[in-house]
Protein backbone atom coordinates (compact mmCIF):
# COMPACT_ATOMS: atom_id res chain seq x y z
CA MET A 1 185.84 153.81 147.89
CA GLU A 2 183.03 152.40 145.71
CA TRP A 3 185.48 150.45 143.57
CA PHE A 4 187.26 149.16 146.66
CA LEU A 5 183.97 147.80 148.04
CA ILE A 6 183.13 146.20 144.68
CA LEU A 7 186.59 144.62 144.32
CA ALA A 8 186.57 143.37 147.92
CA GLY A 9 183.06 141.98 147.36
CA PHE A 10 184.16 140.13 144.21
CA ILE A 11 187.16 138.59 145.97
CA LEU A 12 185.12 137.49 148.98
CA LEU A 13 182.39 136.05 146.73
CA LEU A 14 184.96 133.99 144.83
CA LEU A 15 186.71 132.78 147.97
CA GLY A 16 183.46 132.14 149.80
CA GLY A 17 181.86 130.31 146.88
CA GLU A 18 184.91 128.10 146.42
CA SER A 19 185.15 127.34 150.13
CA LEU A 20 181.43 126.58 150.34
CA VAL A 21 181.46 124.16 147.39
CA LYS A 22 184.65 122.39 148.48
CA GLY A 23 183.47 122.10 152.07
CA ALA A 24 180.03 120.88 151.05
CA VAL A 25 181.50 118.31 148.64
CA ALA A 26 183.86 117.05 151.35
CA MET A 27 181.01 116.87 153.89
CA ALA A 28 178.85 114.97 151.41
CA LYS A 29 181.66 112.49 150.75
CA LYS A 30 182.20 111.95 154.46
CA MET A 31 178.46 111.40 154.89
CA GLN A 32 178.59 108.93 151.97
CA LEU A 33 176.03 110.72 149.82
CA PRO A 34 175.77 109.41 146.23
CA PRO A 35 178.27 111.10 143.86
CA LEU A 36 175.48 112.10 141.48
CA VAL A 37 173.72 114.00 144.27
CA ILE A 38 176.98 115.75 145.15
CA GLY A 39 177.68 116.72 141.57
CA ILE A 40 174.22 117.77 140.47
CA VAL A 41 173.03 119.55 143.61
CA LEU A 42 176.16 120.84 145.35
CA VAL A 43 178.50 121.49 142.44
CA GLY A 44 175.73 122.61 140.08
CA PHE A 45 174.24 125.01 142.59
CA GLY A 46 177.63 126.12 143.87
CA THR A 47 178.51 128.32 140.88
CA SER A 48 175.21 130.20 141.35
CA ILE A 49 175.81 130.94 145.03
CA PRO A 50 177.32 134.41 144.32
CA GLU A 51 174.27 135.42 142.25
CA LEU A 52 171.85 134.07 144.85
CA VAL A 53 173.37 135.80 147.87
CA THR A 54 173.96 139.03 145.93
CA CYS A 55 170.36 139.14 144.65
CA ILE A 56 168.80 138.41 148.04
CA THR A 57 171.03 141.03 149.69
CA ALA A 58 170.12 143.62 147.05
CA ALA A 59 166.39 142.84 147.26
CA LEU A 60 166.35 143.09 151.05
CA GLN A 61 168.06 146.49 150.78
CA GLY A 62 165.34 147.71 148.41
CA SER A 63 167.50 147.43 145.28
CA SER A 64 165.43 144.89 143.35
CA ASN A 65 166.43 146.51 140.04
CA LEU A 66 170.05 145.63 140.77
CA ALA A 67 169.03 142.08 141.64
CA PHE A 68 166.94 141.61 138.50
CA GLY A 69 169.70 143.11 136.38
CA ASN A 70 172.18 140.70 137.95
CA VAL A 71 170.16 137.64 136.85
CA VAL A 72 169.57 138.84 133.28
CA GLY A 73 173.11 140.21 132.95
CA SER A 74 174.68 137.03 134.36
CA ASN A 75 172.82 134.82 131.88
CA THR A 76 173.89 137.04 129.00
CA ALA A 77 177.48 137.09 130.27
CA ASN A 78 177.49 133.30 130.76
CA ILE A 79 176.65 132.81 127.09
CA LEU A 80 178.45 135.59 125.25
CA LEU A 81 181.42 136.19 127.58
CA VAL A 82 182.01 132.78 129.18
CA ALA A 83 181.09 130.49 126.28
CA GLY A 84 182.73 132.88 123.83
CA THR A 85 185.99 132.92 125.78
CA GLY A 86 185.92 129.14 126.23
CA ALA A 87 185.32 128.50 122.52
CA LEU A 88 188.13 130.89 121.54
CA MET A 89 190.51 128.77 123.62
CA VAL A 90 189.25 125.34 122.53
CA PRO A 91 186.21 124.62 120.33
CA ILE A 92 183.37 123.52 122.63
CA MET A 93 181.97 120.13 121.63
CA THR A 94 178.21 119.58 121.99
CA PRO A 95 177.08 116.38 123.76
CA LEU A 96 173.73 116.07 121.96
CA ALA A 97 171.69 114.16 124.56
CA GLU A 98 172.74 116.42 127.43
CA PHE A 99 172.29 119.54 125.31
CA LYS A 100 168.73 118.52 124.39
CA ARG A 101 167.95 117.99 128.09
CA ASP A 102 169.61 121.07 129.57
CA GLY A 103 169.02 123.29 126.54
CA SER A 104 165.30 122.53 126.72
CA PHE A 105 165.17 123.63 130.37
CA VAL A 106 167.11 126.81 129.51
CA ALA A 107 164.53 127.55 126.80
CA ILE A 108 161.60 126.82 129.15
CA SER A 109 162.98 128.99 131.96
CA THR A 110 163.78 131.82 129.52
CA VAL A 111 160.27 131.73 128.01
CA LEU A 112 158.73 131.75 131.51
CA LEU A 113 160.81 134.79 132.49
CA VAL A 114 159.87 136.66 129.32
CA ALA A 115 156.17 135.77 129.80
CA ALA A 116 156.28 137.00 133.40
CA ALA A 117 157.89 140.25 132.29
CA LEU A 118 155.40 140.83 129.45
CA PHE A 119 152.14 139.80 131.12
CA LEU A 120 152.75 140.31 134.85
CA GLY A 121 155.45 142.95 134.99
CA SER A 122 156.92 141.36 138.10
CA VAL A 123 157.96 138.10 139.72
CA GLY A 124 156.11 137.66 143.01
CA PHE A 125 156.05 135.02 145.72
CA MET A 126 153.78 132.53 143.94
CA LEU A 127 155.65 132.67 140.64
CA GLY A 128 158.96 132.49 142.50
CA ALA A 129 157.74 129.36 144.29
CA ALA A 130 156.67 127.88 140.93
CA PHE A 131 160.17 128.61 139.55
CA VAL A 132 161.77 126.84 142.51
CA ALA A 133 159.41 123.86 142.13
CA LEU A 134 160.33 123.61 138.45
CA LEU A 135 164.02 123.73 139.39
CA LEU A 136 163.54 120.85 141.83
CA GLY A 137 161.81 118.92 139.05
CA TYR A 138 164.75 119.62 136.74
CA ILE A 139 167.22 118.41 139.38
CA ALA A 140 165.21 115.20 139.89
CA TYR A 141 164.96 114.62 136.14
CA MET A 142 168.68 115.24 135.62
CA TYR A 143 169.55 112.92 138.50
CA LEU A 144 167.48 110.07 137.03
CA ALA A 145 168.93 110.65 133.55
CA GLU A 146 172.52 110.66 134.82
CA LYS A 147 171.83 107.62 137.00
CA ARG A 148 170.51 105.63 134.02
CA LYS A 149 173.54 106.66 131.97
CA TYR A 150 175.92 105.71 134.76
CA GLN A 151 174.28 102.31 135.21
CA ALA A 152 174.38 101.63 131.45
CA THR A 153 177.89 102.83 130.63
CA GLY A 154 179.71 103.20 133.94
CA SER A 155 180.43 106.86 133.21
CA ALA A 156 178.61 110.15 133.61
CA ASP A 157 179.54 113.71 132.72
CA ILE A 158 178.62 114.92 136.19
CA LEU A 159 181.13 112.50 137.71
CA GLU A 160 183.88 113.89 135.50
CA GLU A 161 182.99 117.39 136.66
CA LEU A 162 183.02 116.18 140.25
CA GLU A 163 186.52 114.79 139.76
CA GLU A 164 187.65 118.20 138.49
CA ILE A 165 186.25 119.81 141.64
CA GLN A 166 187.76 117.21 143.92
CA THR A 167 191.31 117.83 142.66
CA PHE A 168 191.20 120.75 145.08
CA LEU A 169 190.88 118.24 147.93
CA ASN A 170 194.35 116.75 147.39
CA ARG A 171 194.63 115.49 150.95
CA PRO A 172 192.22 113.80 153.33
CA ILE A 173 189.84 116.25 155.00
CA THR A 174 188.00 115.40 158.19
CA LEU A 175 184.32 116.15 158.73
CA PRO A 176 185.04 119.01 161.21
CA ILE A 177 187.38 120.69 158.70
CA ALA A 178 184.82 120.23 155.91
CA THR A 179 182.16 121.75 158.16
CA MET A 180 184.41 124.70 158.96
CA LEU A 181 185.07 125.24 155.23
CA THR A 182 181.34 125.23 154.53
CA VAL A 183 180.46 127.63 157.36
CA ALA A 184 183.36 129.93 156.46
CA GLY A 185 182.24 129.86 152.83
CA ILE A 186 178.70 130.87 153.74
CA ALA A 187 179.90 133.71 155.98
CA THR A 188 182.44 134.97 153.43
CA THR A 189 179.90 134.84 150.59
CA ILE A 190 177.33 136.82 152.59
CA LEU A 191 179.92 139.45 153.54
CA GLY A 192 181.17 139.63 149.95
CA ALA A 193 177.64 140.11 148.62
CA LYS A 194 176.97 142.86 151.16
CA LEU A 195 180.14 144.75 150.17
CA LEU A 196 179.44 144.26 146.46
CA VAL A 197 175.87 145.57 146.73
CA MET A 198 176.97 148.53 148.88
CA GLY A 199 179.68 149.42 146.37
CA ALA A 200 177.38 148.96 143.37
CA ILE A 201 174.66 151.18 144.84
CA ALA A 202 177.20 153.86 145.78
CA LEU A 203 178.77 153.72 142.30
CA ALA A 204 175.36 154.06 140.63
CA GLU A 205 174.56 157.12 142.74
CA LYS A 206 177.98 158.70 142.15
CA ALA A 207 178.07 158.00 138.40
CA GLY A 208 174.45 159.01 137.91
CA VAL A 209 173.44 155.73 136.27
CA SER A 210 170.69 153.34 137.29
CA GLU A 211 171.21 150.39 139.60
CA THR A 212 169.82 148.23 136.78
CA VAL A 213 172.76 149.09 134.51
CA ILE A 214 175.25 148.41 137.31
CA GLY A 215 173.55 145.06 137.94
CA LEU A 216 173.62 144.17 134.24
CA THR A 217 177.33 144.94 133.88
CA ILE A 218 179.71 145.13 136.83
CA VAL A 219 177.75 142.93 139.23
CA ALA A 220 176.75 140.44 136.52
CA ILE A 221 180.32 140.02 135.26
CA GLY A 222 181.63 139.69 138.79
CA THR A 223 179.16 137.00 139.80
CA SER A 224 179.86 135.15 136.52
CA LEU A 225 183.56 134.81 137.36
CA PRO A 226 183.15 131.23 138.71
CA GLU A 227 181.65 130.15 135.39
CA LEU A 228 184.42 131.95 133.49
CA ALA A 229 187.09 130.26 135.62
CA THR A 230 185.42 126.88 135.03
CA ALA A 231 185.33 127.47 131.27
CA ILE A 232 189.03 128.40 131.17
CA ILE A 233 190.07 125.42 133.31
CA ALA A 234 187.86 123.05 131.28
CA GLY A 235 189.41 124.37 128.06
CA LEU A 236 192.97 123.94 129.33
CA ARG A 237 192.16 120.35 130.36
CA ASN A 238 190.34 119.55 127.09
CA HIS A 239 186.98 119.11 128.84
CA SER A 240 185.18 121.84 126.88
CA ASP A 241 181.90 119.88 126.92
CA LEU A 242 181.82 120.32 130.71
CA SER A 243 182.06 124.07 130.16
CA LEU A 244 178.89 124.05 128.03
CA GLY A 245 177.03 121.95 130.60
CA ASN A 246 178.11 124.32 133.37
CA ILE A 247 176.88 127.36 131.42
CA LEU A 248 173.48 125.81 130.67
CA GLY A 249 173.07 124.60 134.25
CA SER A 250 174.05 127.98 135.66
CA ASN A 251 171.51 129.82 133.48
CA ILE A 252 168.77 127.43 134.63
CA TYR A 253 169.74 127.92 138.28
CA ASN A 254 169.89 131.71 137.82
CA ILE A 255 166.32 132.06 136.52
CA LEU A 256 164.53 129.29 138.39
CA GLY A 257 166.63 129.21 141.56
CA VAL A 258 168.17 132.64 142.10
CA LEU A 259 165.26 134.68 140.76
CA GLY A 260 162.72 132.28 142.24
CA VAL A 261 164.15 132.32 145.76
CA THR A 262 164.77 136.08 145.66
CA ALA A 263 161.16 136.71 144.57
CA MET A 264 159.93 134.56 147.46
CA VAL A 265 161.96 136.75 149.84
CA SER A 266 160.95 140.03 148.22
CA PRO A 267 158.67 140.46 145.13
CA MET A 268 160.59 141.85 142.16
CA PRO A 269 159.11 144.23 139.55
CA VAL A 270 160.71 144.00 136.11
CA PRO A 271 162.70 147.21 135.44
CA SER A 272 161.48 149.06 132.34
CA GLU A 273 165.07 149.34 131.06
CA ILE A 274 165.41 145.56 131.02
CA MET A 275 162.00 145.09 129.37
CA THR A 276 162.89 147.27 126.40
CA PHE A 277 166.38 145.97 125.63
CA ASP A 278 168.38 143.71 127.92
CA LEU A 279 165.82 140.91 128.26
CA TRP A 280 165.77 140.55 124.48
CA VAL A 281 169.57 140.52 124.33
CA MET A 282 169.47 137.57 126.74
CA VAL A 283 166.89 135.82 124.54
CA LEU A 284 168.95 136.50 121.40
CA ALA A 285 172.11 135.22 123.11
CA THR A 286 170.27 132.01 124.07
CA LEU A 287 169.13 131.51 120.46
CA VAL A 288 172.64 132.16 119.15
CA LEU A 289 174.14 129.66 121.59
CA THR A 290 171.62 127.02 120.47
CA LEU A 291 172.30 127.69 116.79
CA PHE A 292 176.08 127.59 117.18
CA ALA A 293 176.03 124.53 119.45
CA LEU A 294 173.92 122.52 116.98
CA THR A 295 175.91 123.60 113.91
CA ARG A 296 178.43 120.79 113.34
CA MET A 297 177.79 119.84 116.99
CA LYS A 298 180.35 122.30 118.34
CA ILE A 299 180.99 125.98 119.01
CA SER A 300 184.01 126.87 116.88
CA ARG A 301 186.68 129.47 117.59
CA LEU A 302 185.11 131.75 114.98
CA GLU A 303 181.71 131.46 116.63
CA GLY A 304 183.29 132.05 120.03
CA GLY A 305 184.90 135.20 118.67
CA LEU A 306 181.56 136.39 117.31
CA MET A 307 179.89 135.78 120.69
CA LEU A 308 182.63 137.64 122.56
CA SER A 309 182.46 140.53 120.07
CA GLY A 310 178.70 140.61 120.52
CA TYR A 311 179.14 140.95 124.27
CA PHE A 312 181.50 143.90 123.91
CA ILE A 313 179.03 145.56 121.50
CA TYR A 314 176.27 145.01 124.06
CA LEU A 315 178.39 146.62 126.79
CA TYR A 316 179.12 149.57 124.48
CA LEU A 317 175.41 150.05 123.79
CA LEU A 318 174.75 149.98 127.54
CA TYR A 319 177.46 152.61 127.98
CA LEU A 320 175.83 154.81 125.34
CA SER A 321 172.50 154.47 127.16
CA THR A 322 174.07 156.00 130.29
CA LEU A 323 175.21 159.15 128.47
CA PRO A 324 173.08 162.28 129.00
CA THR A 325 170.67 163.00 126.16
CA ALA A 326 171.34 166.17 124.22
CA ALA A 327 168.78 168.90 124.80
């Protein structure tokens, strides 16, 4: 029953997230919003919707450890699992200017999270609000940077990503239909998150492992499926640079947006398990991604294989940590 709830939750999160993004993009087009706003705000935030709804649902149900584990686990999975898989398919090229911009914000948000964990031991309302404010600043900065690039060259990476998204809308969609897609996406995502959290909590209780471990593994991988799908599609269409941008953007949204908003809803103590191991794995993964991305300005297949292998080793170590200690 627990696995059924988790699987149903995953499916509903995927369907709901897709419907929400497509509907919101269509609504924005009908309302004649600038393409850069659509791409940066709606598409960029869209892949983090599953994490956001899942974390808020978990926090409101008193399972903040699961929520915190989801954020840290998703960021680790985005780098080692998603980027590793994408690079194994097609080497991921590094657009230097964009990587400096987005990579810097990933580093800043990661350092802030580590500092909060070390010195505060929790993320409360005020810090959550500061995270959200920083995210809004990042969105504004990215919008201005992309706008200048678009005006200078007539092209922008975010527009290419938007075109990829819009291939789903292969026929004219009216505003009422777009609105229905958006509302249905929100409802489906909320239901999916509720089922996923219920199943994850029940599985943790039945298996005798902590909610933190479930959040770091099953829930984190499940909510990272949109990023994984994007990486695979981008690789098949030879747009691997979009995959890297999506991963960096998602990790920024996860810490500043998902964790920030969730902390504003319900203060989140940092689980001791995450403090001693998983947080540092996320930091190490971020450093490895930066090193690989800046080496020859691409992430090669070999490096992708190393990242993917590292993720499986991490999962194995987490598995060992759940085994009962010998007397």
